[in-house]
Amino acid sequence: MAQPLGDRLFFLRNSADIERVKQMGRRFQSPLFNLVSCPARPLLEQPSRYSRIGIVVGKRLGAAVTRNRAKRIFRELARQVRDHLAAGHDILIFPRREALTIGFQVLREKWLAALRREGLLIARPEGPCGRSVSV
């Protein structure tokens, strides 16, 4: 199996890639976040073996403290499913205020359900103690 990506390569940071996903991606809306996904652009004419995730938080979400908290929460959610994402997708997440008002476990269940619904998970991520998480 291929080596996992480091955080620098796992998260979308290039604005051209983010704009491409916004324009070409398939959208999923929930009360807690919006998710946009599209096939990754192949590098060097080879299909991508990894998926990448970008987190976009606008100023209308709130003050800098609130925006940073939303980014931290969704970065952690992304890291937890890194090894279970289907290969070759770029994914954008647009957190909503409501995501900051609920517990992390509830948000995680909604996150996994959204990824599963969009066909972006290849296996069930495991929770604490090695048990699979039911959603």
C-alpha atoms as a PDB file:
ATOM      1  CA  MET A   1       0.000   0.000   0.000  1.00  0.00           C
ATOM      2  CA  ALA A   2       1.174   3.512  -0.736  1.00  0.00           C
ATOM      3  CA  GLN A   3       2.507   5.741   2.005  1.00  0.00           C
ATOM      4  CA  PRO A   4      -0.096   8.153   3.427  1.00  0.00           C
ATOM      5  CA  LEU A   5       0.172  11.802   2.546  1.00  0.00           C
ATOM      6  CA  GLY A   6       1.432  14.316   5.047  1.00  0.00           C
ATOM      7  CA  ASP A   7      -0.897  17.132   6.061  1.00  0.00           C
ATOM      8  CA  ARG A   8       0.688  19.524   3.555  1.00  0.00           C
ATOM      9  CA  LEU A   9      -0.312  17.302   0.639  1.00  0.00           C
ATOM     10  CA  PHE A  10      -3.582  16.020   2.118  1.00  0.00           C
ATOM     11  CA  PHE A  11      -5.226  19.422   2.439  1.00  0.00           C
ATOM     12  CA  LEU A  12      -6.096  21.537  -0.607  1.00  0.00           C
ATOM     13  CA  ARG A  13      -4.392  24.921  -0.359  1.00  0.00           C
ATOM     14  CA  ASN A  14      -3.913  25.991  -3.977  1.00  0.00           C
ATOM     15  CA  SER A  15      -6.603  28.512  -4.922  1.00  0.00           C
ATOM     16  CA  ALA A  16      -6.738  27.211  -8.510  1.00  0.00           C
ATOM     17  CA  ASP A  17      -7.578  23.720  -7.245  1.00  0.00           C
ATOM     18  CA  ILE A  18     -10.194  25.108  -4.857  1.00  0.00           C
ATOM     19  CA  GLU A  19     -11.829  27.123  -7.657  1.00  0.00           C
ATOM     20  CA  ARG A  20     -11.816  24.053  -9.940  1.00  0.00           C
ATOM     21  CA  VAL A  21     -13.634  22.000  -7.297  1.00  0.00           C
ATOM     22  CA  LYS A  22     -16.136  24.823  -6.693  1.00  0.00           C
ATOM     23  CA  GLN A  23     -16.949  25.098 -10.380  1.00  0.00           C
ATOM     24  CA  MET A  24     -16.904  21.435 -11.411  1.00  0.00           C
ATOM     25  CA  GLY A  25     -17.837  19.658  -8.202  1.00  0.00           C
ATOM     26  CA  ARG A  26     -20.928  17.800  -7.094  1.00  0.00           C
ATOM     27  CA  ARG A  27     -22.629  19.478  -4.136  1.00  0.00           C
ATOM     28  CA  PHE A  28     -24.071  18.004  -0.954  1.00  0.00           C
ATOM     29  CA  GLN A  29     -25.822  20.237   1.570  1.00  0.00           C
ATOM     30  CA  SER A  30     -26.546  19.532   5.200  1.00  0.00           C
ATOM     31  CA  PRO A  31     -27.585  21.785   8.097  1.00  0.00           C
ATOM     32  CA  LEU A  32     -24.037  21.510   9.497  1.00  0.00           C
ATOM     33  CA  PHE A  33     -21.834  21.878   6.423  1.00  0.00           C
ATOM     34  CA  ASN A  34     -21.765  21.894   2.647  1.00  0.00           C
ATOM     35  CA  LEU A  35     -19.548  19.440   0.814  1.00  0.00           C
ATOM     36  CA  VAL A  36     -18.367  19.734  -2.804  1.00  0.00           C
ATOM     37  CA  SER A  37     -16.414  16.930  -4.473  1.00  0.00           C
ATOM     38  CA  CYS A  38     -15.005  16.226  -7.898  1.00  0.00           C
ATOM     39  CA  PRO A  39     -12.419  13.891  -9.410  1.00  0.00           C
ATOM     40  CA  ALA A  40      -8.870  15.020  -8.677  1.00  0.00           C
ATOM     41  CA  ARG A  41      -6.784  16.492 -11.448  1.00  0.00           C
ATOM     42  CA  PRO A  42      -4.147  13.863 -12.317  1.00  0.00           C
ATOM     43  CA  LEU A  43      -0.556  14.905 -11.784  1.00  0.00           C
ATOM     44  CA  LEU A  44       1.921  13.972 -14.496  1.00  0.00           C
ATOM     45  CA  GLU A  45      -0.790  12.113 -16.430  1.00  0.00           C
ATOM     46  CA  GLN A  46      -1.120   9.504 -13.677  1.00  0.00           C
ATOM     47  CA  PRO A  47      -4.397   8.980 -11.815  1.00  0.00           C
ATOM     48  CA  SER A  48      -4.323  10.263  -8.265  1.00  0.00           C
ATOM     49  CA  ARG A  49      -4.013   7.567  -5.584  1.00  0.00           C
ATOM     50  CA  TYR A  50      -5.150   9.930  -2.855  1.00  0.00           C
ATOM     51  CA  SER A  51      -8.001  12.243  -2.066  1.00  0.00           C
ATOM     52  CA  ARG A  52      -7.443  15.772  -0.826  1.00  0.00           C
ATOM     53  CA  ILE A  53      -9.648  17.926   1.370  1.00  0.00           C
ATOM     54  CA  GLY A  54     -10.001  21.688   1.546  1.00  0.00           C
ATOM     55  CA  ILE A  55     -11.814  23.656   4.233  1.00  0.00           C
ATOM     56  CA  VAL A  56     -13.275  27.001   3.206  1.00  0.00           C
ATOM     57  CA  VAL A  57     -14.499  29.309   5.960  1.00  0.00           C
ATOM     58  CA  GLY A  58     -15.772  32.763   5.055  1.00  0.00           C
ATOM     59  CA  LYS A  59     -15.890  35.832   7.274  1.00  0.00           C
ATOM     60  CA  ARG A  60     -19.656  35.591   7.568  1.00  0.00           C
ATOM     61  CA  LEU A  61     -19.208  32.537   9.817  1.00  0.00           C
ATOM     62  CA  GLY A  62     -17.975  34.844  12.562  1.00  0.00           C
ATOM     63  CA  ALA A  63     -14.885  36.314  14.171  1.00  0.00           C
ATOM     64  CA  ALA A  64     -11.418  34.871  13.605  1.00  0.00           C
ATOM     65  CA  VAL A  65     -11.639  32.721  16.740  1.00  0.00           C
ATOM     66  CA  THR A  66     -14.849  31.110  15.467  1.00  0.00           C
ATOM     67  CA  ARG A  67     -13.483  30.584  11.963  1.00  0.00           C
ATOM     68  CA  ASN A  68     -10.277  29.015  13.284  1.00  0.00           C
ATOM     69  CA  ARG A  69     -12.253  26.708  15.574  1.00  0.00           C
ATOM     70  CA  ALA A  70     -14.356  25.523  12.619  1.00  0.00           C
ATOM     71  CA  LYS A  71     -11.203  24.830  10.604  1.00  0.00           C
ATOM     72  CA  ARG A  72      -9.608  22.898  13.482  1.00  0.00           C
ATOM     73  CA  ILE A  73     -12.713  20.750  13.970  1.00  0.00           C
ATOM     74  CA  PHE A  74     -13.054  19.867  10.298  1.00  0.00           C
ATOM     75  CA  ARG A  75      -9.309  19.262   9.869  1.00  0.00           C
ATOM     76  CA  GLU A  76      -9.541  16.699  12.660  1.00  0.00           C
ATOM     77  CA  LEU A  77     -12.587  15.081  11.050  1.00  0.00           C
ATOM     78  CA  ALA A  78     -10.660  14.888   7.770  1.00  0.00           C
ATOM     79  CA  ARG A  79      -7.618  13.329   9.432  1.00  0.00           C
ATOM     80  CA  GLN A  80      -9.777  10.637  11.034  1.00  0.00           C
ATOM     81  CA  VAL A  81     -11.081   9.431   7.656  1.00  0.00           C
ATOM     82  CA  ARG A  82      -7.885   9.957   5.650  1.00  0.00           C
ATOM     83  CA  ASP A  83      -7.154   6.249   5.236  1.00  0.00           C
ATOM     84  CA  HIS A  84     -10.767   5.437   4.347  1.00  0.00           C
ATOM     85  CA  LEU A  85     -11.356   7.935   1.542  1.00  0.00           C
ATOM     86  CA  ALA A  86     -11.876   6.699  -1.989  1.00  0.00           C
ATOM     87  CA  ALA A  87      -8.844   7.570  -4.095  1.00  0.00           C
ATOM     88  CA  GLY A  88      -8.752  10.354  -6.613  1.00  0.00           C
ATOM     89  CA  HIS A  89     -11.174  12.971  -5.261  1.00  0.00           C
ATOM     90  CA  ASP A  90     -10.808  16.579  -4.245  1.00  0.00           C
ATOM     91  CA  ILE A  91     -13.274  17.559  -1.523  1.00  0.00           C
ATOM     92  CA  LEU A  92     -14.212  20.985  -0.191  1.00  0.00           C
ATOM     93  CA  ILE A  93     -16.020  21.552   3.092  1.00  0.00           C
ATOM     94  CA  PHE A  94     -17.890  24.745   3.913  1.00  0.00           C
ATOM     95  CA  PRO A  95     -18.722  24.640   7.653  1.00  0.00           C
ATOM     96  CA  ARG A  96     -21.888  26.301   8.936  1.00  0.00           C
ATOM     97  CA  ARG A  97     -22.402  27.933  12.344  1.00  0.00           C
ATOM     98  CA  GLU A  98     -24.595  25.054  13.506  1.00  0.00           C
ATOM     99  CA  ALA A  99     -21.587  22.707  13.304  1.00  0.00           C
ATOM    100  CA  LEU A 100     -20.014  24.593  16.203  1.00  0.00           C
ATOM    101  CA  THR A 101     -23.028  24.187  18.477  1.00  0.00           C
ATOM    102  CA  ILE A 102     -23.253  20.380  18.536  1.00  0.00           C
ATOM    103  CA  GLY A 103     -20.978  17.748  20.042  1.00  0.00           C
ATOM    104  CA  PHE A 104     -17.997  16.385  18.157  1.00  0.00           C
ATOM    105  CA  GLN A 105     -19.346  12.802  18.037  1.00  0.00           C
ATOM    106  CA  VAL A 106     -22.659  13.914  16.527  1.00  0.00           C
ATOM    107  CA  LEU A 107     -20.812  16.018  13.955  1.00  0.00           C
ATOM    108  CA  ARG A 108     -18.525  13.072  13.185  1.00  0.00           C
ATOM    109  CA  GLU A 109     -21.522  10.812  12.549  1.00  0.00           C
ATOM    110  CA  LYS A 110     -23.062  13.381  10.179  1.00  0.00           C
ATOM    111  CA  TRP A 111     -19.694  13.804   8.451  1.00  0.00           C
ATOM    112  CA  LEU A 112     -19.303  10.059   7.914  1.00  0.00           C
ATOM    113  CA  ALA A 113     -22.888   9.760   6.679  1.00  0.00           C
ATOM    114  CA  ALA A 114     -22.308  12.535   4.123  1.00  0.00           C
ATOM    115  CA  LEU A 115     -19.083  10.966   2.855  1.00  0.00           C
ATOM    116  CA  ARG A 116     -20.748   7.567   2.638  1.00  0.00           C
ATOM    117  CA  ARG A 117     -23.746   8.998   0.789  1.00  0.00           C
ATOM    118  CA  GLU A 118     -21.470  10.661  -1.768  1.00  0.00           C
ATOM    119  CA  GLY A 119     -19.460   7.452  -2.265  1.00  0.00           C
ATOM    120  CA  LEU A 120     -16.255   8.946  -0.897  1.00  0.00           C
ATOM    121  CA  LEU A 121     -15.582   6.278   1.776  1.00  0.00           C
ATOM    122  CA  ILE A 122     -14.165   2.870   0.926  1.00  0.00           C
ATOM    123  CA  ALA A 123     -14.307   1.359   4.416  1.00  0.00           C
ATOM    124  CA  ARG A 124     -15.859   2.115   7.772  1.00  0.00           C
ATOM    125  CA  PRO A 125     -13.579   4.148  10.006  1.00  0.00           C
ATOM    126  CA  GLU A 126     -13.062   2.669  13.424  1.00  0.00           C
ATOM    127  CA  GLY A 127     -13.875   4.425  16.644  1.00  0.00           C
ATOM    128  CA  PRO A 128     -12.076   4.120  19.959  1.00  0.00           C
ATOM    129  CA  CYS A 129     -11.094   0.599  21.031  1.00  0.00           C
ATOM    130  CA  GLY A 130     -11.032  -0.630  17.418  1.00  0.00           C
ATOM    131  CA  ARG A 131     -14.809  -0.897  17.039  1.00  0.00           C
ATOM    132  CA  SER A 132     -16.365   0.277  13.810  1.00  0.00           C
ATOM    133  CA  VAL A 133     -18.554   3.344  14.119  1.00  0.00           C
ATOM    134  CA  SER A 134     -22.188   2.894  13.245  1.00  0.00           C
ATOM    135  CA  VAL A 135     -23.936   5.757  11.512  1.00  0.00           C
END
